[in-house]
Amino acid sequence: MLLFPFMNAADEASGSTGVKYEHATFGGGCFWCVEAVFERVEGVKSVVSGYAGGKTPNPTYREVCTGETGHAEVVDIQFDPAKVGFDKLLELFWDAHDPTTPNRQGADRGTQYRSVVFYHNEEQKKLAQESVKAAASKFRAPIVTEIAPLPTFYAAEDYHQDYFQKNPNAPYCAVVIQPKLKKLDKLGH
């Protein structure tokens, strides 16, 4: 299992291109959904599904599903800030899930499905806190999204990576992810 102890948003330059990528880490329910949403964004280089925020080192999917590890299903997004800003990623994050339901997204229930922004630096923390205020008017109930510094990120097992791209006709993808992406298209994402 891959382990990424990201401590800040700056990433090494990518090869000879000189692009300085940054990272954003979001949890908004099943990571298959969140991954599918952000993989479509121009300026996003990669999206890795994984786990963060818990106490169990190197967790497996099976362990996280018990709710006993404390980890949330999250995605680590590597992006080019010259093409898409963290603030724009946050706008999409709010539109892509219901941040008012604690430990739940649709039929997915448990602490592993909580809404969370794990920030990589103080600027991301500030932008995340400001974006909560800006997004609040979109929802009838208060936003319960956790905003916390990113602890260690653990990449999920290979079969979870690019799940929607590899399995677009799987029942979960057809019933949950495809309608979500259509909704986001209508919202201009």
N, C-alpha and C. Protein backbone atom coordinates (compact mmCIF):
# COMPACT_ATOMS: atom_id res chain seq x y z
N MET A 1 0.84 -1.18 0.00
CA MET A 1 0.00 0.00 0.00
C MET A 1 0.88 1.23 0.00
N LEU A 2 0.54 2.21 -0.82
CA LEU A 2 1.31 3.45 -0.89
C LEU A 2 1.00 4.34 0.29
N LEU A 3 1.98 5.08 0.70
CA LEU A 3 1.85 5.97 1.85
C LEU A 3 2.37 7.33 1.43
N PHE A 4 1.57 8.38 1.61
CA PHE A 4 1.98 9.73 1.24
C PHE A 4 1.87 10.64 2.46
N PRO A 5 2.98 10.90 3.15
CA PRO A 5 2.90 11.81 4.30
C PRO A 5 3.00 13.26 3.85
N PHE A 6 1.97 13.78 3.17
CA PHE A 6 1.98 15.15 2.68
C PHE A 6 1.90 16.11 3.85
N MET A 7 2.81 17.03 3.90
CA MET A 7 2.81 18.01 4.97
C MET A 7 2.49 19.41 4.47
N ASN A 8 2.57 19.63 3.16
CA ASN A 8 2.18 20.92 2.61
C ASN A 8 1.69 20.72 1.19
N ALA A 9 1.17 21.78 0.61
CA ALA A 9 0.53 21.66 -0.70
C ALA A 9 1.52 21.72 -1.85
N ALA A 10 2.71 22.22 -1.62
CA ALA A 10 3.67 22.32 -2.72
C ALA A 10 4.21 20.95 -3.06
N ASP A 11 4.30 20.66 -4.32
CA ASP A 11 4.82 19.38 -4.75
C ASP A 11 6.02 19.64 -5.63
N GLU A 12 6.86 18.63 -5.79
CA GLU A 12 8.01 18.77 -6.64
C GLU A 12 7.59 19.09 -8.06
N ALA A 13 8.48 19.72 -8.81
CA ALA A 13 8.20 20.03 -10.21
C ALA A 13 8.01 18.71 -10.94
N SER A 14 7.14 18.72 -11.90
CA SER A 14 6.85 17.51 -12.66
C SER A 14 7.80 17.40 -13.84
N GLY A 15 8.75 16.50 -13.71
CA GLY A 15 9.68 16.25 -14.81
C GLY A 15 10.34 17.53 -15.28
N SER A 16 10.45 17.68 -16.58
CA SER A 16 11.10 18.85 -17.14
C SER A 16 10.11 19.97 -17.43
N THR A 17 8.84 19.78 -17.13
CA THR A 17 7.84 20.81 -17.45
C THR A 17 7.94 22.01 -16.52
N GLY A 18 8.48 21.81 -15.33
CA GLY A 18 8.60 22.91 -14.38
C GLY A 18 7.30 23.28 -13.70
N VAL A 19 6.24 22.52 -13.91
CA VAL A 19 4.96 22.80 -13.27
C VAL A 19 5.06 22.46 -11.80
N LYS A 20 4.63 23.37 -10.94
CA LYS A 20 4.58 23.11 -9.50
C LYS A 20 3.15 22.68 -9.15
N TYR A 21 2.97 21.41 -8.92
CA TYR A 21 1.65 20.89 -8.58
C TYR A 21 1.41 21.05 -7.09
N GLU A 22 0.15 21.17 -6.73
CA GLU A 22 -0.28 21.19 -5.34
C GLU A 22 -1.24 20.03 -5.11
N HIS A 23 -1.55 19.80 -3.84
CA HIS A 23 -2.46 18.71 -3.48
C HIS A 23 -3.65 19.26 -2.71
N ALA A 24 -4.79 18.64 -2.93
CA ALA A 24 -6.01 18.88 -2.15
C ALA A 24 -6.50 17.51 -1.73
N THR A 25 -7.02 17.39 -0.52
CA THR A 25 -7.52 16.10 -0.04
C THR A 25 -8.92 16.29 0.51
N PHE A 26 -9.89 15.63 -0.14
CA PHE A 26 -11.30 15.78 0.21
C PHE A 26 -11.94 14.41 0.46
N GLY A 27 -12.88 14.37 1.38
CA GLY A 27 -13.73 13.22 1.59
C GLY A 27 -15.17 13.68 1.50
N GLY A 28 -15.95 13.03 0.68
CA GLY A 28 -17.35 13.40 0.52
C GLY A 28 -18.19 12.18 0.21
N GLY A 29 -18.05 11.15 1.02
CA GLY A 29 -18.76 9.91 0.79
C GLY A 29 -17.83 8.89 0.16
N CYS A 30 -18.39 8.03 -0.65
CA CYS A 30 -17.61 6.98 -1.31
C CYS A 30 -16.53 7.61 -2.18
N PHE A 31 -15.30 7.15 -2.04
CA PHE A 31 -14.23 7.76 -2.82
C PHE A 31 -14.36 7.50 -4.31
N TRP A 32 -15.10 6.48 -4.72
CA TRP A 32 -15.31 6.28 -6.15
C TRP A 32 -16.03 7.48 -6.75
N CYS A 33 -17.01 8.01 -6.02
CA CYS A 33 -17.77 9.17 -6.51
C CYS A 33 -16.89 10.41 -6.57
N VAL A 34 -16.19 10.67 -5.49
CA VAL A 34 -15.37 11.88 -5.41
C VAL A 34 -14.27 11.82 -6.47
N GLU A 35 -13.68 10.67 -6.64
CA GLU A 35 -12.63 10.50 -7.65
C GLU A 35 -13.19 10.80 -9.04
N ALA A 36 -14.36 10.25 -9.37
CA ALA A 36 -14.96 10.46 -10.69
C ALA A 36 -15.24 11.93 -10.95
N VAL A 37 -15.64 12.66 -9.92
CA VAL A 37 -15.93 14.09 -10.05
C VAL A 37 -14.67 14.87 -10.40
N PHE A 38 -13.59 14.65 -9.67
CA PHE A 38 -12.39 15.47 -9.84
C PHE A 38 -11.50 15.03 -10.99
N GLU A 39 -11.65 13.80 -11.46
CA GLU A 39 -10.85 13.36 -12.60
C GLU A 39 -11.23 14.12 -13.87
N ARG A 40 -12.38 14.72 -13.90
CA ARG A 40 -12.86 15.43 -15.09
C ARG A 40 -12.42 16.89 -15.13
N VAL A 41 -11.75 17.37 -14.12
CA VAL A 41 -11.43 18.78 -14.00
C VAL A 41 -10.15 19.13 -14.75
N GLU A 42 -10.24 20.12 -15.62
CA GLU A 42 -9.04 20.60 -16.31
C GLU A 42 -8.08 21.19 -15.29
N GLY A 43 -6.83 20.81 -15.38
CA GLY A 43 -5.82 21.26 -14.43
C GLY A 43 -5.52 20.25 -13.34
N VAL A 44 -6.36 19.21 -13.26
CA VAL A 44 -6.09 18.13 -12.30
C VAL A 44 -5.20 17.10 -12.99
N LYS A 45 -4.05 16.83 -12.39
CA LYS A 45 -3.11 15.87 -12.97
C LYS A 45 -3.47 14.45 -12.57
N SER A 46 -3.83 14.24 -11.28
CA SER A 46 -4.17 12.89 -10.83
C SER A 46 -5.10 12.95 -9.64
N VAL A 47 -5.85 11.88 -9.48
CA VAL A 47 -6.74 11.71 -8.33
C VAL A 47 -6.49 10.29 -7.80
N VAL A 48 -6.12 10.20 -6.53
CA VAL A 48 -5.84 8.91 -5.92
C VAL A 48 -6.82 8.68 -4.78
N SER A 49 -7.55 7.59 -4.84
CA SER A 49 -8.46 7.23 -3.75
C SER A 49 -7.67 6.65 -2.60
N GLY A 50 -8.09 6.98 -1.38
CA GLY A 50 -7.38 6.46 -0.23
C GLY A 50 -8.09 6.72 1.08
N TYR A 51 -7.31 6.67 2.15
CA TYR A 51 -7.84 6.78 3.51
C TYR A 51 -7.00 7.78 4.30
N ALA A 52 -7.66 8.54 5.16
CA ALA A 52 -6.94 9.48 6.03
C ALA A 52 -7.82 9.83 7.22
N GLY A 53 -7.17 10.29 8.26
CA GLY A 53 -7.90 10.81 9.41
C GLY A 53 -8.13 9.84 10.53
N GLY A 54 -7.60 8.64 10.42
CA GLY A 54 -7.83 7.64 11.45
C GLY A 54 -6.57 7.27 12.21
N LYS A 55 -6.73 6.25 13.02
CA LYS A 55 -5.63 5.83 13.90
C LYS A 55 -4.91 4.58 13.43
N THR A 56 -5.47 3.83 12.52
CA THR A 56 -4.89 2.57 12.07
C THR A 56 -3.88 2.80 10.95
N PRO A 57 -2.62 2.41 11.16
CA PRO A 57 -1.66 2.56 10.07
C PRO A 57 -1.91 1.53 8.97
N ASN A 58 -1.66 1.94 7.73
CA ASN A 58 -1.82 1.06 6.57
C ASN A 58 -3.15 0.30 6.56
N PRO A 59 -4.27 1.02 6.65
CA PRO A 59 -5.55 0.32 6.70
C PRO A 59 -5.92 -0.32 5.37
N THR A 60 -6.71 -1.37 5.46
CA THR A 60 -7.27 -1.99 4.27
C THR A 60 -8.70 -1.49 4.11
N TYR A 61 -9.26 -1.68 2.93
CA TYR A 61 -10.64 -1.30 2.68
C TYR A 61 -11.58 -2.01 3.66
N ARG A 62 -11.33 -3.27 3.85
CA ARG A 62 -12.17 -4.06 4.77
C ARG A 62 -12.14 -3.48 6.18
N GLU A 63 -10.97 -3.07 6.64
CA GLU A 63 -10.84 -2.47 7.98
C GLU A 63 -11.56 -1.12 8.05
N VAL A 64 -11.39 -0.30 7.02
CA VAL A 64 -12.02 1.02 7.01
C VAL A 64 -13.54 0.87 7.00
N CYS A 65 -14.06 -0.11 6.29
CA CYS A 65 -15.51 -0.34 6.21
C CYS A 65 -16.14 -0.67 7.56
N THR A 66 -15.36 -1.14 8.52
CA THR A 66 -15.91 -1.44 9.84
C THR A 66 -16.24 -0.17 10.61
N GLY A 67 -15.64 0.95 10.21
CA GLY A 67 -15.83 2.20 10.94
C GLY A 67 -14.96 2.30 12.18
N GLU A 68 -14.16 1.28 12.45
CA GLU A 68 -13.36 1.25 13.67
C GLU A 68 -11.97 1.87 13.52
N THR A 69 -11.53 2.15 12.29
CA THR A 69 -10.19 2.70 12.08
C THR A 69 -10.15 4.20 12.29
N GLY A 70 -11.29 4.86 12.17
CA GLY A 70 -11.35 6.32 12.24
C GLY A 70 -11.03 7.00 10.92
N HIS A 71 -10.63 6.23 9.92
CA HIS A 71 -10.29 6.81 8.62
C HIS A 71 -11.56 7.15 7.83
N ALA A 72 -11.43 8.17 7.00
CA ALA A 72 -12.45 8.51 6.02
C ALA A 72 -11.96 8.07 4.65
N GLU A 73 -12.90 7.72 3.78
CA GLU A 73 -12.56 7.51 2.38
C GLU A 73 -12.34 8.90 1.79
N VAL A 74 -11.17 9.13 1.23
CA VAL A 74 -10.81 10.44 0.69
C VAL A 74 -10.14 10.27 -0.66
N VAL A 75 -9.95 11.39 -1.34
CA VAL A 75 -9.13 11.41 -2.55
C VAL A 75 -8.05 12.47 -2.38
N ASP A 76 -6.88 12.13 -2.88
CA ASP A 76 -5.80 13.12 -2.97
C ASP A 76 -5.76 13.59 -4.41
N ILE A 77 -5.93 14.88 -4.58
CA ILE A 77 -5.99 15.50 -5.91
C ILE A 77 -4.69 16.26 -6.13
N GLN A 78 -3.96 15.91 -7.18
CA GLN A 78 -2.78 16.67 -7.56
C GLN A 78 -3.21 17.59 -8.69
N PHE A 79 -3.00 18.90 -8.51
CA PHE A 79 -3.50 19.86 -9.48
C PHE A 79 -2.49 20.96 -9.77
N ASP A 80 -2.67 21.56 -10.94
CA ASP A 80 -1.84 22.68 -11.38
C ASP A 80 -2.57 23.96 -10.98
N PRO A 81 -2.08 24.71 -9.98
CA PRO A 81 -2.79 25.90 -9.52
C PRO A 81 -2.85 27.01 -10.57
N ALA A 82 -2.04 26.92 -11.61
CA ALA A 82 -2.12 27.91 -12.70
C ALA A 82 -3.35 27.65 -13.58
N LYS A 83 -3.89 26.42 -13.50
CA LYS A 83 -5.05 26.06 -14.32
C LYS A 83 -6.34 25.98 -13.52
N VAL A 84 -6.25 25.55 -12.28
CA VAL A 84 -7.43 25.45 -11.42
C VAL A 84 -6.99 25.72 -9.98
N GLY A 85 -7.63 26.66 -9.35
CA GLY A 85 -7.27 27.01 -7.98
C GLY A 85 -7.94 26.13 -6.95
N PHE A 86 -7.37 26.12 -5.76
CA PHE A 86 -7.95 25.37 -4.65
C PHE A 86 -9.38 25.86 -4.38
N ASP A 87 -9.61 27.17 -4.52
CA ASP A 87 -10.95 27.71 -4.29
C ASP A 87 -11.97 27.11 -5.27
N LYS A 88 -11.57 26.90 -6.52
CA LYS A 88 -12.48 26.30 -7.50
C LYS A 88 -12.73 24.83 -7.19
N LEU A 89 -11.71 24.14 -6.71
CA LEU A 89 -11.90 22.74 -6.31
C LEU A 89 -12.88 22.66 -5.14
N LEU A 90 -12.78 23.61 -4.22
CA LEU A 90 -13.73 23.65 -3.09
C LEU A 90 -15.16 23.89 -3.57
N GLU A 91 -15.35 24.77 -4.53
CA GLU A 91 -16.71 25.02 -5.06
C GLU A 91 -17.30 23.72 -5.62
N LEU A 92 -16.50 22.98 -6.36
CA LEU A 92 -16.97 21.71 -6.91
C LEU A 92 -17.24 20.70 -5.79
N PHE A 93 -16.38 20.69 -4.80
CA PHE A 93 -16.55 19.80 -3.65
C PHE A 93 -17.92 20.01 -3.00
N TRP A 94 -18.31 21.26 -2.76
CA TRP A 94 -19.60 21.54 -2.12
C TRP A 94 -20.76 21.10 -3.00
N ASP A 95 -20.62 21.29 -4.32
CA ASP A 95 -21.70 20.91 -5.23
C ASP A 95 -21.78 19.40 -5.46
N ALA A 96 -20.70 18.69 -5.18
CA ALA A 96 -20.63 17.26 -5.50
C ALA A 96 -21.16 16.34 -4.41
N HIS A 97 -21.48 16.88 -3.23
CA HIS A 97 -21.99 16.02 -2.16
C HIS A 97 -22.83 16.85 -1.20
N ASP A 98 -23.44 16.20 -0.24
CA ASP A 98 -24.24 16.88 0.77
C ASP A 98 -23.41 17.00 2.04
N PRO A 99 -22.86 18.19 2.30
CA PRO A 99 -22.00 18.37 3.47
C PRO A 99 -22.78 18.60 4.76
N THR A 100 -24.08 18.40 4.72
CA THR A 100 -24.90 18.63 5.92
C THR A 100 -25.29 17.34 6.63
N THR A 101 -24.91 16.22 6.08
CA THR A 101 -25.27 14.93 6.69
C THR A 101 -24.04 14.33 7.36
N PRO A 102 -24.04 14.26 8.68
CA PRO A 102 -22.86 13.71 9.36
C PRO A 102 -22.72 12.21 9.10
N ASN A 103 -21.52 11.81 8.73
CA ASN A 103 -21.19 10.40 8.57
C ASN A 103 -22.10 9.66 7.59
N ARG A 104 -22.45 10.37 6.50
CA ARG A 104 -23.35 9.74 5.54
C ARG A 104 -23.37 10.50 4.22
N GLN A 105 -23.48 9.75 3.14
CA GLN A 105 -23.80 10.28 1.82
C GLN A 105 -24.74 9.29 1.18
N GLY A 106 -25.98 9.69 1.00
CA GLY A 106 -26.98 8.79 0.43
C GLY A 106 -27.11 7.54 1.27
N ALA A 107 -27.01 6.38 0.63
CA ALA A 107 -27.14 5.11 1.35
C ALA A 107 -25.85 4.70 2.05
N ASP A 108 -24.75 5.39 1.76
CA ASP A 108 -23.47 5.06 2.40
C ASP A 108 -23.43 5.70 3.78
N ARG A 109 -23.34 4.87 4.80
CA ARG A 109 -23.37 5.35 6.18
C ARG A 109 -22.16 4.87 6.96
N GLY A 110 -21.66 5.74 7.84
CA GLY A 110 -20.53 5.41 8.69
C GLY A 110 -19.52 6.54 8.69
N THR A 111 -18.67 6.56 9.69
CA THR A 111 -17.69 7.64 9.81
C THR A 111 -16.74 7.68 8.62
N GLN A 112 -16.57 6.56 7.94
CA GLN A 112 -15.69 6.53 6.77
C GLN A 112 -16.25 7.34 5.60
N TYR A 113 -17.52 7.71 5.67
CA TYR A 113 -18.16 8.49 4.61
C TYR A 113 -18.37 9.96 5.00
N ARG A 114 -17.71 10.39 6.05
CA ARG A 114 -17.90 11.77 6.51
C ARG A 114 -17.36 12.77 5.49
N SER A 115 -17.91 13.97 5.57
CA SER A 115 -17.45 15.08 4.75
C SER A 115 -16.25 15.72 5.44
N VAL A 116 -15.14 15.83 4.69
CA VAL A 116 -13.92 16.36 5.30
C VAL A 116 -13.04 17.05 4.25
N VAL A 117 -12.44 18.15 4.68
CA VAL A 117 -11.38 18.80 3.91
C VAL A 117 -10.13 18.68 4.77
N PHE A 118 -9.15 17.93 4.28
CA PHE A 118 -7.86 17.86 4.95
C PHE A 118 -6.94 18.86 4.26
N TYR A 119 -6.61 19.93 4.95
CA TYR A 119 -5.80 20.96 4.31
C TYR A 119 -4.31 20.64 4.43
N HIS A 120 -3.55 21.17 3.46
CA HIS A 120 -2.12 20.92 3.36
C HIS A 120 -1.28 22.08 3.86
N ASN A 121 -1.89 23.25 4.06
CA ASN A 121 -1.16 24.42 4.56
C ASN A 121 -2.17 25.44 5.10
N GLU A 122 -1.67 26.49 5.68
CA GLU A 122 -2.54 27.48 6.30
C GLU A 122 -3.42 28.22 5.28
N GLU A 123 -2.91 28.42 4.07
CA GLU A 123 -3.71 29.07 3.04
C GLU A 123 -4.92 28.21 2.68
N GLN A 124 -4.72 26.91 2.54
CA GLN A 124 -5.85 26.02 2.25
C GLN A 124 -6.83 26.01 3.42
N LYS A 125 -6.33 26.04 4.64
CA LYS A 125 -7.21 26.08 5.81
C LYS A 125 -8.10 27.32 5.75
N LYS A 126 -7.48 28.46 5.48
CA LYS A 126 -8.22 29.73 5.40
C LYS A 126 -9.27 29.68 4.29
N LEU A 127 -8.87 29.21 3.11
CA LEU A 127 -9.81 29.13 1.99
C LEU A 127 -10.95 28.15 2.29
N ALA A 128 -10.65 27.04 2.93
CA ALA A 128 -11.69 26.06 3.27
C ALA A 128 -12.69 26.66 4.25
N GLN A 129 -12.19 27.36 5.27
CA GLN A 129 -13.08 27.99 6.26
C GLN A 129 -13.95 29.06 5.60
N GLU A 130 -13.37 29.84 4.73
CA GLU A 130 -14.14 30.87 4.01
C GLU A 130 -15.17 30.24 3.09
N SER A 131 -14.80 29.14 2.45
CA SER A 131 -15.72 28.51 1.51
C SER A 131 -16.93 27.89 2.20
N VAL A 132 -16.76 27.45 3.45
CA VAL A 132 -17.90 26.93 4.21
C VAL A 132 -18.95 28.03 4.34
N LYS A 133 -18.49 29.22 4.69
CA LYS A 133 -19.42 30.35 4.84
C LYS A 133 -20.10 30.67 3.52
N ALA A 134 -19.34 30.67 2.44
CA ALA A 134 -19.91 30.99 1.13
C ALA A 134 -20.89 29.92 0.66
N ALA A 135 -20.62 28.66 0.97
CA ALA A 135 -21.48 27.56 0.51
C ALA A 135 -22.72 27.37 1.37
N ALA A 136 -22.70 27.89 2.58
CA ALA A 136 -23.80 27.64 3.53
C ALA A 136 -25.17 27.98 2.98
N SER A 137 -25.27 29.03 2.18
CA SER A 137 -26.58 29.45 1.66
C SER A 137 -27.17 28.45 0.66
N LYS A 138 -26.37 27.52 0.16
CA LYS A 138 -26.85 26.51 -0.79
C LYS A 138 -27.62 25.38 -0.11
N PHE A 139 -27.53 25.31 1.21
CA PHE A 139 -28.07 24.16 1.93
C PHE A 139 -29.08 24.59 2.99
N ARG A 140 -30.06 23.74 3.24
CA ARG A 140 -31.08 24.03 4.25
C ARG A 140 -30.58 23.78 5.66
N ALA A 141 -29.69 22.83 5.82
CA ALA A 141 -29.14 22.48 7.14
C ALA A 141 -27.70 23.00 7.23
N PRO A 142 -27.17 23.10 8.44
CA PRO A 142 -25.79 23.56 8.59
C PRO A 142 -24.77 22.56 8.01
N ILE A 143 -23.69 23.08 7.49
CA ILE A 143 -22.60 22.26 6.98
C ILE A 143 -21.85 21.65 8.17
N VAL A 144 -21.61 20.35 8.12
CA VAL A 144 -20.93 19.65 9.21
C VAL A 144 -19.55 19.13 8.78
N THR A 145 -19.05 19.62 7.68
CA THR A 145 -17.77 19.17 7.14
C THR A 145 -16.64 19.45 8.12
N GLU A 146 -15.83 18.44 8.35
CA GLU A 146 -14.64 18.56 9.18
C GLU A 146 -13.56 19.26 8.36
N ILE A 147 -12.89 20.23 8.94
CA ILE A 147 -11.74 20.87 8.31
C ILE A 147 -10.57 20.67 9.26
N ALA A 148 -9.56 19.93 8.79
CA ALA A 148 -8.46 19.53 9.66
C ALA A 148 -7.17 19.41 8.85
N PRO A 149 -6.02 19.50 9.53
CA PRO A 149 -4.76 19.30 8.81
C PRO A 149 -4.66 17.85 8.34
N LEU A 150 -4.04 17.67 7.18
CA LEU A 150 -3.91 16.32 6.65
C LEU A 150 -2.93 15.52 7.49
N PRO A 151 -3.42 14.41 8.04
CA PRO A 151 -2.48 13.47 8.66
C PRO A 151 -1.89 12.63 7.52
N THR A 152 -1.44 11.46 7.78
CA THR A 152 -0.91 10.59 6.74
C THR A 152 -2.04 10.12 5.83
N PHE A 153 -1.77 10.14 4.53
CA PHE A 153 -2.70 9.64 3.52
C PHE A 153 -2.21 8.26 3.10
N TYR A 154 -3.14 7.30 3.07
CA TYR A 154 -2.83 5.95 2.62
C TYR A 154 -3.61 5.68 1.34
N ALA A 155 -2.91 5.39 0.27
CA ALA A 155 -3.59 5.07 -0.99
C ALA A 155 -4.38 3.78 -0.82
N ALA A 156 -5.57 3.75 -1.40
CA ALA A 156 -6.41 2.55 -1.36
C ALA A 156 -5.84 1.50 -2.31
N GLU A 157 -6.37 0.32 -2.18
CA GLU A 157 -5.97 -0.80 -3.01
C GLU A 157 -6.17 -0.46 -4.50
N ASP A 158 -5.38 -1.10 -5.35
CA ASP A 158 -5.38 -0.81 -6.79
C ASP A 158 -6.78 -0.90 -7.41
N TYR A 159 -7.58 -1.87 -6.99
CA TYR A 159 -8.88 -2.05 -7.63
C TYR A 159 -9.84 -0.89 -7.36
N HIS A 160 -9.51 -0.01 -6.41
CA HIS A 160 -10.34 1.17 -6.16
C HIS A 160 -9.94 2.35 -7.04
N GLN A 161 -8.76 2.33 -7.61
CA GLN A 161 -8.27 3.46 -8.39
C GLN A 161 -8.95 3.52 -9.75
N ASP A 162 -9.39 4.72 -10.13
CA ASP A 162 -10.07 4.94 -11.42
C ASP A 162 -11.28 4.03 -11.57
N TYR A 163 -11.97 3.80 -10.46
CA TYR A 163 -13.05 2.81 -10.44
C TYR A 163 -14.14 3.11 -11.48
N PHE A 164 -14.61 4.34 -11.52
CA PHE A 164 -15.68 4.68 -12.46
C PHE A 164 -15.21 4.54 -13.91
N GLN A 165 -14.00 4.99 -14.19
CA GLN A 165 -13.47 4.87 -15.55
C GLN A 165 -13.40 3.41 -15.99
N LYS A 166 -13.04 2.53 -15.08
CA LYS A 166 -12.88 1.11 -15.40
C LYS A 166 -14.19 0.33 -15.34
N ASN A 167 -15.19 0.86 -14.61
CA ASN A 167 -16.44 0.12 -14.38
C ASN A 167 -17.68 1.00 -14.56
N PRO A 168 -17.80 1.72 -15.66
CA PRO A 168 -18.92 2.68 -15.79
C PRO A 168 -20.31 2.04 -15.75
N ASN A 169 -20.38 0.76 -16.07
CA ASN A 169 -21.69 0.09 -16.09
C ASN A 169 -21.97 -0.72 -14.83
N ALA A 170 -21.06 -0.69 -13.87
CA ALA A 170 -21.31 -1.39 -12.61
C ALA A 170 -22.53 -0.74 -11.96
N PRO A 171 -23.33 -1.52 -11.23
CA PRO A 171 -24.56 -0.97 -10.65
C PRO A 171 -24.34 0.32 -9.83
N TYR A 172 -23.35 0.36 -8.96
CA TYR A 172 -23.12 1.56 -8.14
C TYR A 172 -22.81 2.76 -9.03
N CYS A 173 -22.01 2.53 -10.06
CA CYS A 173 -21.65 3.62 -10.97
C CYS A 173 -22.86 4.14 -11.73
N ALA A 174 -23.69 3.21 -12.21
CA ALA A 174 -24.86 3.60 -12.99
C ALA A 174 -25.91 4.31 -12.13
N VAL A 175 -26.08 3.87 -10.90
CA VAL A 175 -27.14 4.40 -10.05
C VAL A 175 -26.71 5.63 -9.26
N VAL A 176 -25.44 5.71 -8.87
CA VAL A 176 -25.00 6.80 -8.01
C VAL A 176 -24.09 7.80 -8.73
N ILE A 177 -23.05 7.30 -9.38
CA ILE A 177 -22.04 8.21 -9.95
C ILE A 177 -22.54 8.91 -11.21
N GLN A 178 -23.12 8.18 -12.15
CA GLN A 178 -23.56 8.81 -13.39
C GLN A 178 -24.57 9.94 -13.15
N PRO A 179 -25.58 9.75 -12.29
CA PRO A 179 -26.50 10.87 -12.02
C PRO A 179 -25.79 12.07 -11.37
N LYS A 180 -24.81 11.79 -10.51
CA LYS A 180 -24.07 12.87 -9.87
C LYS A 180 -23.31 13.69 -10.92
N LEU A 181 -22.67 13.01 -11.85
CA LEU A 181 -21.92 13.71 -12.89
C LEU A 181 -22.86 14.51 -13.80
N LYS A 182 -24.03 13.97 -14.09
CA LYS A 182 -25.00 14.72 -14.90
C LYS A 182 -25.47 15.96 -14.17
N LYS A 183 -25.71 15.85 -12.87
CA LYS A 183 -26.11 17.00 -12.05
C LYS A 183 -25.04 18.08 -12.09
N LEU A 184 -23.78 17.67 -11.95
CA LEU A 184 -22.67 18.63 -11.97
C LEU A 184 -22.53 19.29 -13.34
N ASP A 185 -22.78 18.53 -14.40
CA ASP A 185 -22.76 19.10 -15.76
C ASP A 185 -23.80 20.22 -15.86
N LYS A 186 -24.99 19.99 -15.33
CA LYS A 186 -26.05 21.00 -15.37
C LYS A 186 -25.68 22.24 -14.57
N LEU A 187 -24.87 22.06 -13.52
CA LEU A 187 -24.42 23.19 -12.72
C LEU A 187 -23.22 23.91 -13.32
N GLY A 188 -22.75 23.41 -14.45
CA GLY A 188 -21.62 24.05 -15.13
C GLY A 188 -20.26 23.57 -14.70
N HIS A 189 -20.22 22.42 -14.07
CA HIS A 189 -18.91 21.85 -13.67
C HIS A 189 -18.50 20.89 -14.73
